[in-house]
Amino acid sequence: MRKTDVITSLVLLGFAVIVAEESLRLPFGTMRLPGIAFLPFLLSVVLAILSLALLVQALRRHGGSETKGLQVGLWKKAGLCLIALFVFAFIFEWLGYVISTVLLLVVLFRAVEPVRWWLVLVIAVSSSLITYLVFSLLGTPFPAGLMGI
């Protein structure tokens, strides 16, 4: 894992530097009145610190057993999760929040670790409805979707 951790930390550090540099092109604001660049810059600094910590940890590790990385089955699960998220992004406005979120959660629950269908449906529907209720109370606008849900 040492080699994988070194590569991952360097990629994340590069991403953090790019985001920090790009966010500084936007109005930063002040601590009292933050601008649009404040949060992306702050998050990029946190990401840079965490990636440096991972790099130091990986370099300090003595020898250890180098694993072959992710097995093919795990790559398939990760790919399915990414595809599900992309599909969710495309169907979100068309189907609306509740239906598209239920579908996303069903796919994710079944793809990552197969769970009984009744449990998947109960968790997906209840999670979707509860988050919809919470965000509606906070005044978050949602796309109406097919059935106005």
Protein backbone atom coordinates (compact mmCIF):
# COMPACT_ATOMS: atom_id res chain seq x y z
CA MET A 1 0.00 0.00 0.00
CA ARG A 2 2.96 2.31 0.43
CA LYS A 3 3.36 3.00 -3.30
CA THR A 4 -0.39 3.49 -3.74
CA ASP A 5 -0.51 5.91 -0.81
CA VAL A 6 2.42 7.94 -2.18
CA ILE A 7 0.82 8.23 -5.63
CA THR A 8 -2.60 9.06 -4.17
CA SER A 9 -1.19 11.72 -1.86
CA LEU A 10 0.73 13.36 -4.70
CA VAL A 11 -2.33 13.41 -6.97
CA LEU A 12 -4.47 14.90 -4.18
CA LEU A 13 -1.78 17.45 -3.37
CA GLY A 14 -1.63 18.49 -7.03
CA PHE A 15 -5.41 18.80 -7.13
CA ALA A 16 -5.35 20.91 -3.94
CA VAL A 17 -2.74 23.26 -5.41
CA ILE A 18 -4.74 23.69 -8.63
CA VAL A 19 -7.97 24.40 -6.73
CA ALA A 20 -6.20 26.87 -4.42
CA GLU A 21 -4.61 28.67 -7.34
CA GLU A 22 -7.87 28.85 -9.28
CA SER A 23 -9.89 29.97 -6.27
CA LEU A 24 -7.53 32.89 -5.69
CA ARG A 25 -8.62 34.30 -9.06
CA LEU A 26 -12.06 34.90 -7.51
CA PRO A 27 -13.01 37.51 -4.88
CA PHE A 28 -11.77 36.19 -1.53
CA GLY A 29 -13.58 38.54 0.85
CA THR A 30 -12.85 38.73 4.57
CA MET A 31 -13.47 36.50 7.57
CA ARG A 32 -16.53 38.58 8.42
CA LEU A 33 -17.85 38.70 4.87
CA PRO A 34 -16.37 35.80 2.89
CA GLY A 35 -16.34 35.94 -0.86
CA ILE A 36 -16.92 33.18 -3.38
CA ALA A 37 -13.28 31.97 -3.19
CA PHE A 38 -13.21 31.60 0.59
CA LEU A 39 -14.63 28.08 0.91
CA PRO A 40 -12.85 26.48 -2.08
CA PHE A 41 -9.54 27.93 -0.90
CA LEU A 42 -10.09 26.77 2.67
CA LEU A 43 -11.04 23.26 1.51
CA SER A 44 -8.01 23.08 -0.79
CA VAL A 45 -5.74 23.97 2.14
CA VAL A 46 -7.32 21.22 4.25
CA LEU A 47 -6.93 18.75 1.37
CA ALA A 48 -3.28 19.75 0.95
CA ILE A 49 -2.59 19.25 4.67
CA LEU A 50 -4.28 15.84 4.67
CA SER A 51 -2.49 14.72 1.51
CA LEU A 52 0.85 15.80 3.00
CA ALA A 53 0.03 13.83 6.15
CA LEU A 54 -0.72 10.76 4.01
CA LEU A 55 2.54 11.24 2.11
CA VAL A 56 4.58 11.49 5.32
CA GLN A 57 2.83 8.45 6.75
CA ALA A 58 3.46 6.44 3.59
CA LEU A 59 7.14 7.42 3.45
CA ARG A 60 7.71 6.66 7.14
CA ARG A 61 6.28 3.16 6.84
CA HIS A 62 9.05 0.60 6.92
CA GLY A 63 8.97 -2.02 4.18
CA GLY A 64 5.71 -3.80 4.86
CA SER A 65 3.92 -6.00 2.44
CA GLU A 66 3.04 -4.41 -0.84
CA THR A 67 -0.41 -5.51 -1.91
CA LYS A 68 -1.44 -5.76 -5.54
CA GLY A 69 -4.06 -3.06 -5.13
CA LEU A 70 -7.76 -3.39 -5.70
CA GLN A 71 -9.13 -6.65 -6.98
CA VAL A 72 -11.17 -6.72 -10.18
CA GLY A 73 -14.43 -7.13 -8.22
CA LEU A 74 -13.77 -3.94 -6.26
CA TRP A 75 -13.01 -2.03 -9.47
CA LYS A 76 -16.35 -3.16 -10.87
CA LYS A 77 -18.15 -1.96 -7.74
CA ALA A 78 -16.37 1.39 -7.84
CA GLY A 79 -17.18 1.77 -11.55
CA LEU A 80 -20.83 0.93 -10.96
CA CYS A 81 -21.01 3.53 -8.19
CA LEU A 82 -19.51 6.20 -10.47
CA ILE A 83 -21.90 5.32 -13.28
CA ALA A 84 -24.82 5.50 -10.84
CA LEU A 85 -23.75 8.98 -9.73
CA PHE A 86 -23.48 10.20 -13.32
CA VAL A 87 -26.90 8.78 -14.17
CA PHE A 88 -28.29 10.41 -11.02
CA ALA A 89 -26.95 13.78 -12.20
CA PHE A 90 -28.75 13.39 -15.53
CA ILE A 91 -32.11 12.13 -14.20
CA PHE A 92 -32.28 14.42 -11.17
CA GLU A 93 -34.21 17.25 -12.81
CA TRP A 94 -36.32 14.94 -14.96
CA LEU A 95 -37.50 12.58 -12.20
CA GLY A 96 -37.20 14.95 -9.25
CA TYR A 97 -35.34 14.60 -5.97
CA VAL A 98 -37.31 11.85 -4.24
CA ILE A 99 -37.54 9.34 -7.09
CA SER A 100 -34.00 9.85 -8.39
CA THR A 101 -32.54 9.62 -4.87
CA VAL A 102 -34.45 6.42 -4.14
CA LEU A 103 -33.12 4.91 -7.38
CA LEU A 104 -29.56 6.02 -6.60
CA LEU A 105 -29.66 4.56 -3.10
CA VAL A 106 -31.11 1.27 -4.32
CA VAL A 107 -28.31 0.89 -6.87
CA LEU A 108 -25.63 1.87 -4.36
CA PHE A 109 -26.94 -0.44 -1.63
CA ARG A 110 -27.14 -3.37 -4.01
CA ALA A 111 -23.82 -2.65 -5.76
CA VAL A 112 -21.56 -2.12 -2.79
CA GLU A 113 -22.73 -4.95 -0.58
CA PRO A 114 -25.86 -6.82 -1.54
CA VAL A 115 -28.53 -6.37 1.11
CA ARG A 116 -32.03 -7.82 1.27
CA TRP A 117 -34.42 -6.04 -1.09
CA TRP A 118 -36.96 -5.11 1.58
CA LEU A 119 -34.24 -3.49 3.71
CA VAL A 120 -32.82 -1.64 0.70
CA LEU A 121 -36.25 -0.27 -0.22
CA VAL A 122 -37.09 0.76 3.36
CA ILE A 123 -33.78 2.58 3.84
CA ALA A 124 -33.79 4.19 0.38
CA VAL A 125 -37.37 5.47 0.58
CA SER A 126 -37.14 6.65 4.20
CA SER A 127 -33.76 8.35 3.64
CA SER A 128 -35.03 10.10 0.55
CA LEU A 129 -38.22 11.31 2.22
CA ILE A 130 -36.49 12.42 5.43
CA THR A 131 -33.82 14.40 3.58
CA TYR A 132 -36.47 15.90 1.32
CA LEU A 133 -38.43 17.01 4.39
CA VAL A 134 -35.37 18.46 6.12
CA PHE A 135 -34.19 20.37 3.06
CA SER A 136 -37.73 21.57 2.32
CA LEU A 137 -37.96 22.97 5.85
CA LEU A 138 -34.67 24.76 5.21
CA GLY A 139 -36.15 26.30 2.06
CA THR A 140 -34.10 24.39 -0.48
CA PRO A 141 -35.75 24.42 -3.92
CA PHE A 142 -36.00 21.05 -5.67
CA PRO A 143 -36.86 20.26 -9.28
CA ALA A 144 -40.51 19.15 -9.55
CA GLY A 145 -39.80 16.11 -11.66
CA LEU A 146 -42.24 13.90 -13.52
CA MET A 147 -45.00 13.69 -10.95
CA GLY A 148 -44.34 16.99 -9.20
CA ILE A 149 -42.53 15.26 -6.34
